[in-house]
N, C-alpha and C. Protein backbone atom coordinates (compact mmCIF):
# COMPACT_ATOMS: atom_id res chain seq x y z
N UNK A 1 0.83 -1.36 -0.10
CA UNK A 1 -0.06 0.00 -0.02
C UNK A 1 0.81 1.19 -0.05
N UNK A 2 0.43 2.08 -0.86
CA UNK A 2 1.23 3.37 -0.86
C UNK A 2 0.26 4.66 -0.30
N UNK A 3 0.88 5.53 0.39
CA UNK A 3 0.31 6.82 1.12
C UNK A 3 0.41 7.84 -0.06
N UNK A 4 -0.45 8.44 -0.32
CA UNK A 4 -0.59 9.52 -1.17
C UNK A 4 -1.19 10.87 -0.62
N UNK A 5 -0.83 11.89 -0.94
CA UNK A 5 -1.40 13.18 -0.53
C UNK A 5 -3.08 13.36 -1.15
N UNK A 6 -3.59 14.06 -0.63
CA UNK A 6 -5.05 14.07 -1.13
C UNK A 6 -5.12 14.58 -2.60
N UNK A 7 -4.30 15.42 -3.24
CA UNK A 7 -4.26 15.92 -4.48
C UNK A 7 -3.65 14.61 -5.36
N UNK A 8 -2.64 13.88 -4.91
CA UNK A 8 -2.10 12.61 -5.55
C UNK A 8 -3.20 11.62 -5.66
N UNK A 9 -4.03 11.47 -4.49
CA UNK A 9 -4.98 10.48 -4.53
C UNK A 9 -6.38 10.86 -5.38
N UNK A 10 -6.60 12.03 -5.59
CA UNK A 10 -7.70 12.55 -6.47
C UNK A 10 -7.39 12.36 -7.87
N UNK A 11 -6.06 12.59 -8.25
CA UNK A 11 -5.40 12.53 -9.58
C UNK A 11 -5.44 11.05 -9.75
N UNK A 12 -5.03 10.13 -8.87
CA UNK A 12 -5.19 8.68 -9.12
C UNK A 12 -6.29 8.13 -9.33
N UNK A 13 -7.42 8.55 -8.67
CA UNK A 13 -8.89 8.05 -8.61
C UNK A 13 -9.29 8.30 -10.07
N UNK A 14 -8.93 9.73 -10.44
CA UNK A 14 -9.49 10.19 -11.70
C UNK A 14 -9.07 9.12 -13.03
N UNK A 15 -7.82 8.87 -12.83
CA UNK A 15 -6.90 8.07 -14.16
C UNK A 15 -6.90 6.59 -13.73
N UNK A 16 -7.22 5.91 -12.62
CA UNK A 16 -7.13 4.74 -12.68
C UNK A 16 -8.00 3.87 -13.47
N UNK A 17 -7.29 2.94 -14.00
CA UNK A 17 -8.28 2.07 -14.88
C UNK A 17 -8.91 1.03 -13.99
N UNK A 18 -8.71 0.85 -12.88
CA UNK A 18 -9.46 -0.09 -12.05
C UNK A 18 -10.53 0.70 -11.20
N UNK A 19 -10.67 1.96 -11.33
CA UNK A 19 -11.85 2.56 -10.88
C UNK A 19 -13.13 2.23 -11.43
N UNK A 20 -14.25 2.65 -10.96
CA UNK A 20 -15.55 2.28 -11.36
C UNK A 20 -15.82 3.36 -12.40
N UNK A 21 -16.57 3.04 -13.31
CA UNK A 21 -16.86 3.91 -14.52
C UNK A 21 -18.52 4.18 -14.24
N UNK A 22 -18.83 5.44 -14.57
CA UNK A 22 -20.26 5.75 -14.47
C UNK A 22 -20.78 5.84 -16.00
N UNK A 23 -22.17 5.82 -16.12
CA UNK A 23 -22.68 5.74 -17.63
C UNK A 23 -22.64 7.43 -17.85
N UNK A 24 -22.46 7.56 -19.12
CA UNK A 24 -22.34 8.95 -19.41
C UNK A 24 -23.70 9.62 -19.89
N UNK A 25 -24.74 8.54 -19.98
CA UNK A 25 -26.05 8.75 -20.53
C UNK A 25 -26.65 9.70 -19.31
N UNK A 26 -27.32 10.74 -19.58
CA UNK A 26 -28.00 11.52 -18.68
C UNK A 26 -29.03 10.70 -17.80
N UNK A 27 -28.85 10.85 -16.67
CA UNK A 27 -29.98 10.25 -15.48
C UNK A 27 -29.95 8.76 -15.47
N UNK A 28 -28.65 8.32 -16.05
CA UNK A 28 -28.47 6.86 -15.77
C UNK A 28 -27.48 6.75 -14.55
N UNK A 29 -27.77 5.81 -13.61
CA UNK A 29 -27.23 5.74 -12.36
C UNK A 29 -26.29 4.49 -12.39
N UNK A 30 -26.09 3.93 -13.51
CA UNK A 30 -25.06 2.63 -13.70
C UNK A 30 -23.69 3.03 -13.37
N UNK A 31 -23.04 2.27 -12.64
CA UNK A 31 -21.50 2.16 -12.24
C UNK A 31 -20.97 0.68 -12.53
N UNK A 32 -19.96 0.53 -12.98
CA UNK A 32 -19.25 -0.75 -13.00
C UNK A 32 -17.97 -0.64 -13.71
N UNK A 33 -17.45 -2.03 -13.92
CA UNK A 33 -16.12 -2.10 -14.67
C UNK A 33 -16.21 -1.98 -16.09
N UNK A 34 -15.00 -1.58 -16.59
CA UNK A 34 -14.95 -1.07 -18.06
C UNK A 34 -15.29 -2.44 -18.80
N UNK A 35 -15.05 -3.52 -18.51
CA UNK A 35 -15.52 -4.97 -19.13
C UNK A 35 -16.88 -5.00 -19.25
N UNK A 36 -17.62 -4.26 -18.44
CA UNK A 36 -19.07 -4.43 -18.37
C UNK A 36 -19.91 -3.47 -18.87
N UNK A 37 -19.07 -2.18 -19.17
CA UNK A 37 -19.76 -0.92 -19.87
C UNK A 37 -20.07 -1.24 -21.11
N UNK A 38 -19.62 -1.84 -22.13
CA UNK A 38 -20.14 -2.18 -23.48
C UNK A 38 -21.37 -2.81 -23.34
N UNK A 39 -21.44 -3.72 -22.52
CA UNK A 39 -22.93 -4.56 -22.50
C UNK A 39 -23.97 -3.88 -21.82
N UNK A 40 -23.60 -2.83 -21.02
CA UNK A 40 -24.36 -1.95 -20.46
C UNK A 40 -25.04 -1.05 -21.35
N UNK A 41 -24.06 -0.19 -22.13
CA UNK A 41 -24.76 0.70 -23.22
C UNK A 41 -25.47 0.05 -24.17
N UNK A 42 -24.99 -1.47 -24.61
CA UNK A 42 -25.97 -2.03 -25.50
C UNK A 42 -27.32 -2.47 -24.95
N UNK A 43 -27.31 -2.94 -24.04
CA UNK A 43 -28.70 -3.32 -23.21
C UNK A 43 -29.42 -2.35 -22.75
N UNK A 44 -29.12 -1.36 -21.90
CA UNK A 44 -29.74 -0.14 -21.43
C UNK A 44 -30.23 0.84 -22.49
N UNK A 45 -29.12 1.12 -23.17
CA UNK A 45 -29.44 2.49 -24.16
C UNK A 45 -29.59 2.06 -25.72
N UNK A 46 -29.33 0.76 -26.01
CA UNK A 46 -29.46 0.53 -27.35
C UNK A 46 -28.29 1.22 -28.37
N UNK A 47 -27.20 1.39 -27.65
CA UNK A 47 -26.11 2.06 -28.49
C UNK A 47 -25.05 0.87 -28.81
N UNK A 48 -24.39 1.09 -29.94
CA UNK A 48 -23.55 0.22 -30.41
C UNK A 48 -21.99 0.72 -30.35
N UNK A 49 -21.02 0.30 -29.64
CA UNK A 49 -19.56 0.89 -29.45
C UNK A 49 -18.94 0.51 -31.02
N UNK A 50 -18.71 1.74 -31.58
CA UNK A 50 -18.06 1.65 -32.91
C UNK A 50 -16.64 1.81 -32.74
N UNK A 51 -16.01 0.89 -33.59
CA UNK A 51 -14.65 0.77 -33.68
C UNK A 51 -13.94 1.78 -34.69
N UNK A 52 -13.06 2.56 -34.21
CA UNK A 52 -12.51 3.66 -35.13
C UNK A 52 -12.51 5.15 -34.58
N UNK A 53 -11.79 5.98 -34.92
CA UNK A 53 -11.53 7.24 -34.59
C UNK A 53 -12.42 8.20 -35.09
N UNK A 54 -13.38 7.90 -35.87
CA UNK A 54 -14.21 8.87 -36.72
C UNK A 54 -15.49 8.50 -37.00
N UNK A 55 -16.44 9.58 -37.18
CA UNK A 55 -17.90 9.21 -37.58
C UNK A 55 -18.38 10.48 -38.16
N UNK A 56 -19.39 10.37 -39.14
CA UNK A 56 -19.91 11.69 -39.50
C UNK A 56 -21.53 11.26 -39.26
N UNK A 57 -22.14 12.33 -38.61
CA UNK A 57 -23.52 12.36 -38.25
C UNK A 57 -24.29 13.35 -39.34
N UNK A 58 -25.20 12.83 -40.05
CA UNK A 58 -25.80 13.47 -41.23
C UNK A 58 -27.21 13.63 -40.51
N UNK A 59 -27.64 14.96 -40.24
CA UNK A 59 -29.03 15.22 -39.71
C UNK A 59 -29.88 15.91 -40.99
N UNK A 60 -30.90 14.99 -41.57
CA UNK A 60 -31.63 15.47 -42.59
C UNK A 60 -32.72 16.33 -42.06
N UNK A 61 -33.32 16.92 -43.00
CA UNK A 61 -34.42 17.77 -42.61
C UNK A 61 -33.99 18.86 -41.53
N UNK A 62 -32.93 19.52 -41.68
CA UNK A 62 -32.46 20.07 -40.31
C UNK A 62 -33.10 21.28 -40.21
N UNK A 63 -33.69 22.16 -41.10
CA UNK A 63 -34.46 23.27 -40.85
C UNK A 63 -35.53 22.90 -39.96
N UNK A 64 -36.46 21.92 -40.55
CA UNK A 64 -37.61 21.45 -39.82
C UNK A 64 -37.38 20.90 -38.31
N UNK A 65 -36.28 20.21 -38.16
CA UNK A 65 -36.03 19.63 -36.81
C UNK A 65 -35.54 20.85 -35.80
N UNK A 66 -34.73 21.88 -36.60
CA UNK A 66 -34.40 23.14 -35.75
C UNK A 66 -35.77 23.73 -35.31
N UNK A 67 -36.78 23.81 -36.23
CA UNK A 67 -37.89 24.72 -35.74
C UNK A 67 -38.70 24.03 -34.82
N UNK A 68 -38.74 22.71 -34.77
CA UNK A 68 -39.35 22.08 -33.76
C UNK A 68 -38.62 21.69 -32.28
N UNK A 69 -37.27 22.35 -32.30
CA UNK A 69 -36.44 21.86 -31.36
C UNK A 69 -36.74 22.83 -29.90
N UNK A 70 -37.60 23.92 -30.28
CA UNK A 70 -38.02 24.74 -29.04
C UNK A 70 -39.02 23.81 -28.30
N UNK A 71 -39.68 22.84 -28.66
CA UNK A 71 -40.68 21.97 -28.07
C UNK A 71 -40.16 20.53 -27.80
N UNK A 72 -39.14 20.05 -28.62
CA UNK A 72 -38.70 18.86 -28.46
C UNK A 72 -37.17 18.69 -28.70
N UNK A 73 -36.44 18.18 -27.67
CA UNK A 73 -35.07 17.97 -28.02
C UNK A 73 -34.80 16.64 -28.57
N UNK A 74 -33.75 16.89 -29.77
CA UNK A 74 -33.38 15.36 -30.40
C UNK A 74 -31.89 15.35 -29.72
N UNK A 75 -31.74 13.97 -29.58
CA UNK A 75 -30.47 13.60 -28.96
C UNK A 75 -29.79 12.68 -29.90
N UNK A 76 -28.64 12.80 -30.01
CA UNK A 76 -27.71 11.95 -30.81
C UNK A 76 -26.60 11.55 -30.06
N UNK A 77 -26.37 10.30 -29.70
CA UNK A 77 -25.42 9.89 -28.86
C UNK A 77 -24.35 8.74 -29.74
N UNK A 78 -23.33 8.92 -29.68
CA UNK A 78 -22.15 7.92 -30.20
C UNK A 78 -21.26 7.56 -29.50
N UNK A 79 -20.72 6.13 -29.22
CA UNK A 79 -19.62 5.61 -28.51
C UNK A 79 -18.67 5.11 -29.62
N UNK A 80 -17.53 5.58 -29.31
CA UNK A 80 -16.30 5.25 -30.34
C UNK A 80 -15.34 4.56 -29.41
N UNK A 81 -14.67 3.50 -30.11
CA UNK A 81 -13.53 2.83 -29.33
C UNK A 81 -12.38 2.91 -30.15
N UNK A 82 -11.43 3.87 -29.72
CA UNK A 82 -9.93 4.03 -30.38
C UNK A 82 -9.12 4.34 -29.24
N UNK A 83 -7.68 4.11 -29.74
CA UNK A 83 -6.53 4.55 -28.59
C UNK A 83 -6.79 3.80 -27.49
N UNK A 84 -7.43 2.44 -27.40
CA UNK A 84 -7.63 1.88 -26.11
C UNK A 84 -8.67 2.33 -25.24
N UNK A 85 -9.51 3.18 -25.68
CA UNK A 85 -10.24 4.20 -24.96
C UNK A 85 -11.66 4.24 -25.46
N UNK A 86 -12.78 4.22 -24.63
CA UNK A 86 -14.00 4.68 -24.95
C UNK A 86 -14.44 5.92 -25.01
N UNK A 87 -14.84 6.61 -25.82
CA UNK A 87 -15.37 8.06 -25.98
C UNK A 87 -16.91 7.99 -26.37
N UNK A 88 -17.58 9.02 -25.68
CA UNK A 88 -18.98 9.37 -25.96
C UNK A 88 -19.08 10.53 -26.39
N UNK A 89 -19.60 10.66 -27.64
CA UNK A 89 -20.19 12.09 -28.15
C UNK A 89 -21.50 12.14 -28.37
N UNK A 90 -22.10 13.22 -27.37
CA UNK A 90 -23.39 13.60 -27.28
C UNK A 90 -23.70 14.76 -28.02
N UNK A 91 -24.88 14.83 -28.77
CA UNK A 91 -25.10 15.99 -29.67
C UNK A 91 -26.64 16.18 -29.26
N UNK A 92 -27.16 17.50 -28.77
CA UNK A 92 -28.26 17.81 -28.60
C UNK A 92 -28.72 18.85 -29.53
N UNK A 93 -30.00 18.71 -30.36
CA UNK A 93 -30.60 19.93 -30.98
C UNK A 93 -31.76 20.29 -30.17
N UNK A 94 -31.48 21.52 -29.54
CA UNK A 94 -32.28 21.97 -28.44
C UNK A 94 -32.38 23.51 -28.59
N UNK A 95 -33.50 24.06 -28.57
CA UNK A 95 -33.87 25.42 -28.66
C UNK A 95 -33.18 26.19 -29.68
N UNK A 96 -33.00 25.72 -30.92
CA UNK A 96 -32.31 26.27 -32.02
C UNK A 96 -30.73 26.25 -31.71
N UNK A 97 -30.17 25.32 -31.06
CA UNK A 97 -29.16 25.17 -30.75
C UNK A 97 -28.32 23.97 -30.62
N UNK A 98 -27.26 23.40 -31.43
CA UNK A 98 -26.50 22.44 -31.49
C UNK A 98 -25.59 22.30 -30.09
N UNK A 99 -25.85 21.57 -29.27
CA UNK A 99 -24.97 21.36 -27.92
C UNK A 99 -24.07 19.96 -28.05
N UNK A 100 -22.95 20.11 -28.14
CA UNK A 100 -22.17 19.11 -28.23
C UNK A 100 -21.32 18.82 -26.89
N UNK A 101 -21.13 17.72 -26.41
CA UNK A 101 -20.31 17.12 -25.24
C UNK A 101 -19.68 16.03 -25.69
N UNK A 102 -18.27 15.98 -25.30
CA UNK A 102 -17.28 14.88 -25.60
C UNK A 102 -16.75 14.36 -24.16
N UNK A 103 -16.91 13.01 -23.97
CA UNK A 103 -16.24 12.47 -22.88
C UNK A 103 -15.32 11.29 -23.07
N UNK A 104 -14.34 11.29 -22.41
CA UNK A 104 -13.63 10.00 -22.49
C UNK A 104 -14.15 9.13 -21.02
N UNK A 105 -14.72 7.88 -21.47
CA UNK A 105 -15.55 7.11 -20.53
C UNK A 105 -14.67 6.41 -19.81
N UNK A 106 -13.90 5.42 -20.51
CA UNK A 106 -13.07 4.61 -19.77
C UNK A 106 -12.19 3.91 -20.68
N UNK A 107 -10.90 3.44 -20.29
CA UNK A 107 -9.95 2.87 -20.87
C UNK A 107 -9.67 1.36 -20.63
N UNK A 108 -9.47 0.62 -21.74
CA UNK A 108 -9.17 -0.88 -21.67
C UNK A 108 -7.95 -1.20 -21.56
N UNK A 109 -6.88 -0.46 -21.47
CA UNK A 109 -5.55 -0.61 -21.40
C UNK A 109 -4.78 0.34 -20.14
N UNK A 110 -4.44 -0.28 -19.28
CA UNK A 110 -3.92 0.27 -18.13
C UNK A 110 -2.73 1.43 -18.45
N UNK A 111 -2.03 0.95 -19.27
CA UNK A 111 -0.95 1.95 -19.67
C UNK A 111 -1.56 3.04 -20.37
N UNK A 112 -2.26 3.11 -21.34
CA UNK A 112 -2.85 4.21 -21.83
C UNK A 112 -3.67 5.14 -20.68
N UNK A 113 -4.27 4.59 -19.88
CA UNK A 113 -4.92 5.51 -18.82
C UNK A 113 -3.75 6.24 -18.00
N UNK A 114 -2.81 5.37 -17.56
CA UNK A 114 -1.72 5.72 -16.50
C UNK A 114 -0.94 7.01 -17.42
N UNK A 115 -0.91 7.07 -18.62
CA UNK A 115 -0.11 7.91 -19.21
C UNK A 115 -0.80 9.28 -19.44
N UNK A 116 -2.08 9.27 -18.64
CA UNK A 116 -2.97 10.51 -18.70
C UNK A 116 -2.78 11.43 -19.95
N UNK A 117 -3.26 10.53 -20.99
CA UNK A 117 -3.28 11.09 -22.51
C UNK A 117 -4.58 11.96 -22.44
N UNK A 118 -4.16 13.30 -23.35
CA UNK A 118 -5.43 14.04 -23.45
C UNK A 118 -5.71 14.05 -25.06
N UNK A 119 -7.05 14.08 -25.08
CA UNK A 119 -7.78 13.92 -26.42
C UNK A 119 -8.63 15.07 -26.75
N UNK A 120 -8.76 15.24 -28.14
CA UNK A 120 -9.65 16.38 -28.55
C UNK A 120 -10.63 15.67 -29.66
N UNK A 121 -11.79 16.51 -29.95
CA UNK A 121 -12.46 16.06 -30.96
C UNK A 121 -12.35 17.22 -32.16
N UNK A 122 -11.86 16.72 -33.22
CA UNK A 122 -11.78 17.57 -34.28
C UNK A 122 -13.05 17.52 -35.01
N UNK A 123 -13.65 18.82 -35.18
CA UNK A 123 -15.10 18.94 -35.78
C UNK A 123 -15.21 19.39 -36.95
N UNK A 124 -15.74 19.21 -37.87
CA UNK A 124 -16.06 19.82 -39.21
C UNK A 124 -17.81 19.72 -39.34
N UNK A 125 -18.26 20.95 -39.22
CA UNK A 125 -19.80 21.16 -39.40
C UNK A 125 -20.12 21.68 -40.51
N UNK A 126 -20.75 21.25 -41.29
CA UNK A 126 -21.18 21.80 -42.69
C UNK A 126 -22.71 21.67 -43.01
N UNK A 127 -23.09 22.80 -43.81
CA UNK A 127 -24.38 22.73 -44.26
C UNK A 127 -23.97 23.56 -45.62
N UNK A 128 -25.03 23.55 -46.57
CA UNK A 128 -24.70 24.08 -47.79
C UNK A 128 -24.43 25.61 -47.63
N UNK A 129 -24.59 26.23 -46.46
CA UNK A 129 -24.38 27.79 -46.34
C UNK A 129 -23.00 27.95 -45.66
N UNK A 130 -22.69 26.97 -44.56
CA UNK A 130 -21.62 27.48 -43.79
C UNK A 130 -20.85 26.21 -43.58
N UNK A 131 -19.51 26.40 -43.06
CA UNK A 131 -18.71 25.41 -42.69
C UNK A 131 -18.00 25.93 -41.40
N UNK A 132 -17.87 25.16 -40.42
CA UNK A 132 -17.28 25.59 -39.22
C UNK A 132 -16.29 24.51 -38.91
N UNK A 133 -15.11 24.79 -38.45
CA UNK A 133 -14.05 23.62 -37.88
C UNK A 133 -13.45 24.04 -36.70
N UNK A 134 -13.00 23.22 -36.18
CA UNK A 134 -12.42 23.45 -34.83
C UNK A 134 -11.82 21.93 -34.11
N UNK A 135 -11.32 22.43 -33.01
CA UNK A 135 -11.11 21.16 -31.92
C UNK A 135 -11.78 21.20 -30.61
N UNK A 136 -12.43 20.54 -30.16
CA UNK A 136 -13.11 20.58 -28.83
C UNK A 136 -12.26 19.60 -27.99
N UNK A 137 -11.91 19.98 -26.70
CA UNK A 137 -11.08 19.29 -25.71
C UNK A 137 -12.09 18.24 -25.31
N UNK A 138 -11.65 17.04 -24.87
CA UNK A 138 -12.52 15.97 -24.67
C UNK A 138 -12.33 15.81 -23.09
N UNK A 139 -13.36 15.83 -22.25
CA UNK A 139 -13.10 15.78 -20.79
C UNK A 139 -12.80 14.54 -20.41
N UNK A 140 -12.45 14.07 -19.03
CA UNK A 140 -12.31 12.61 -18.58
C UNK A 140 -13.53 12.26 -17.77
N UNK A 141 -14.54 13.16 -17.41
CA UNK A 141 -15.69 12.67 -16.80
C UNK A 141 -16.78 13.69 -16.73
N UNK A 142 -17.87 13.41 -16.66
CA UNK A 142 -19.10 14.13 -16.74
C UNK A 142 -19.10 15.48 -15.93
N UNK A 143 -18.45 15.41 -14.81
CA UNK A 143 -18.45 16.41 -13.98
C UNK A 143 -17.58 17.83 -14.45
N UNK A 144 -16.61 17.34 -15.35
CA UNK A 144 -15.73 18.56 -15.86
C UNK A 144 -16.11 18.47 -17.48
N UNK A 145 -17.12 18.13 -17.96
CA UNK A 145 -17.32 17.97 -19.49
C UNK A 145 -17.76 19.63 -19.87
N UNK A 146 -16.93 19.84 -20.99
CA UNK A 146 -17.33 21.21 -21.51
C UNK A 146 -18.34 21.08 -22.50
N UNK A 147 -18.90 22.11 -22.91
CA UNK A 147 -19.97 22.15 -24.02
C UNK A 147 -19.68 23.02 -25.13
N UNK A 148 -20.07 22.47 -26.27
CA UNK A 148 -19.81 23.58 -27.51
C UNK A 148 -21.13 23.88 -27.78
N UNK A 149 -21.57 25.05 -27.91
CA UNK A 149 -22.95 25.51 -28.58
C UNK A 149 -22.79 26.28 -29.86
N UNK A 150 -23.61 25.65 -30.95
CA UNK A 150 -23.44 26.35 -32.03
C UNK A 150 -24.97 26.64 -32.52
N UNK A 151 -25.30 27.88 -33.06
CA UNK A 151 -26.47 28.49 -33.14
C UNK A 151 -26.92 27.69 -34.57
N UNK A 152 -28.04 27.17 -34.57
CA UNK A 152 -28.66 26.50 -35.83
C UNK A 152 -28.72 27.36 -36.87
N UNK A 153 -29.37 28.55 -36.49
CA UNK A 153 -29.81 29.46 -37.44
C UNK A 153 -28.48 30.04 -38.27
N UNK A 154 -27.51 30.03 -37.65
CA UNK A 154 -26.40 30.46 -38.20
C UNK A 154 -25.81 29.56 -39.33
N UNK A 155 -26.41 28.20 -39.40
CA UNK A 155 -25.87 27.09 -40.49
C UNK A 155 -26.67 27.17 -41.45
N UNK A 156 -27.69 27.86 -41.24
CA UNK A 156 -28.73 27.83 -42.64
C UNK A 156 -28.66 28.97 -43.27
N UNK A 157 -28.91 29.03 -44.70
CA UNK A 157 -29.19 30.22 -45.52
C UNK A 157 -30.16 30.95 -45.11
N UNK A 158 -30.24 32.29 -44.86
CA UNK A 158 -31.46 32.97 -44.61
C UNK A 158 -32.31 33.28 -45.75
N UNK A 159 -31.64 33.02 -47.10
CA UNK A 159 -32.27 33.14 -48.46
C UNK A 159 -32.94 31.93 -48.94
N UNK A 160 -32.60 30.88 -48.54
CA UNK A 160 -33.16 29.74 -49.03
C UNK A 160 -33.98 29.02 -47.79
N UNK A 161 -35.18 28.70 -48.21
CA UNK A 161 -36.09 28.04 -47.18
C UNK A 161 -36.43 26.68 -47.49
N UNK A 162 -35.70 26.00 -48.37
CA UNK A 162 -35.70 24.53 -48.49
C UNK A 162 -35.12 23.72 -47.72
N UNK A 163 -35.36 22.50 -47.68
CA UNK A 163 -34.75 21.53 -46.55
C UNK A 163 -33.40 21.34 -46.87
N UNK A 164 -32.53 21.21 -46.00
CA UNK A 164 -31.13 20.61 -46.22
C UNK A 164 -30.71 19.95 -45.20
N UNK A 165 -29.50 19.35 -45.21
CA UNK A 165 -29.09 18.31 -44.18
C UNK A 165 -27.77 19.37 -43.66
N UNK A 166 -27.33 18.94 -42.24
CA UNK A 166 -26.21 19.53 -41.64
C UNK A 166 -25.41 18.09 -41.44
N UNK A 167 -24.00 18.28 -41.77
CA UNK A 167 -23.19 17.05 -41.42
C UNK A 167 -22.18 17.45 -40.41
N UNK A 168 -21.88 16.52 -39.36
CA UNK A 168 -21.09 16.76 -38.43
C UNK A 168 -19.95 15.59 -38.32
N UNK A 169 -18.86 15.92 -38.87
CA UNK A 169 -17.82 14.88 -38.85
C UNK A 169 -16.83 15.08 -37.70
N UNK A 170 -16.76 14.22 -37.03
CA UNK A 170 -16.11 13.91 -35.65
C UNK A 170 -14.78 13.05 -35.88
N UNK A 171 -13.52 13.66 -35.38
CA UNK A 171 -12.47 12.68 -35.46
C UNK A 171 -11.81 12.96 -34.08
N UNK A 172 -11.64 11.87 -33.44
CA UNK A 172 -10.87 11.87 -32.17
C UNK A 172 -9.36 11.75 -32.33
N UNK A 173 -8.61 12.77 -31.74
CA UNK A 173 -7.14 12.74 -31.95
C UNK A 173 -6.39 13.04 -30.78
N UNK A 174 -5.30 12.32 -30.46
CA UNK A 174 -4.51 12.66 -29.18
C UNK A 174 -3.89 14.27 -29.25
N UNK A 175 -3.95 14.85 -28.15
CA UNK A 175 -3.44 16.13 -28.08
C UNK A 175 -1.99 16.19 -27.51
N UNK A 176 -1.11 16.87 -27.94
CA UNK A 176 0.13 16.82 -27.40
C UNK A 176 0.40 17.72 -26.41
């Protein structure tokens, strides 16, 4: 047994691959080991863990969905496995805003977690009117998760009233 200062203990608990993971899905109280997490998200949330570091989410009929977002929130949730780590990307279309939250959920490799690697989500958000690009830092847990908010109206042409889609390309990258 090793004695740690309080700050060292908190850092160890935050990055220890043997600590219990919590489910990143809002209002889910599940906690458990990394080995059981994939089965949990499959059974409880009908999510499939995708292997790879990137995905593109295509939101069709975006204008109609944006107009309905004052009354009904649309949620898009994706779990990706890359760099021996599970990441969750949550996108909400709510009150004419795209709200994006990225989290590092858990590691399958003790060495990867121990290295305290930091990751970012490279984003490419495209409509026929505008393209936005940037990198969003990925938090280690829901308590420190940062949000990116993008105005939906800014993505759509004010001159065209036809339906169009918005594509959100997400690539997980290690940050140096």
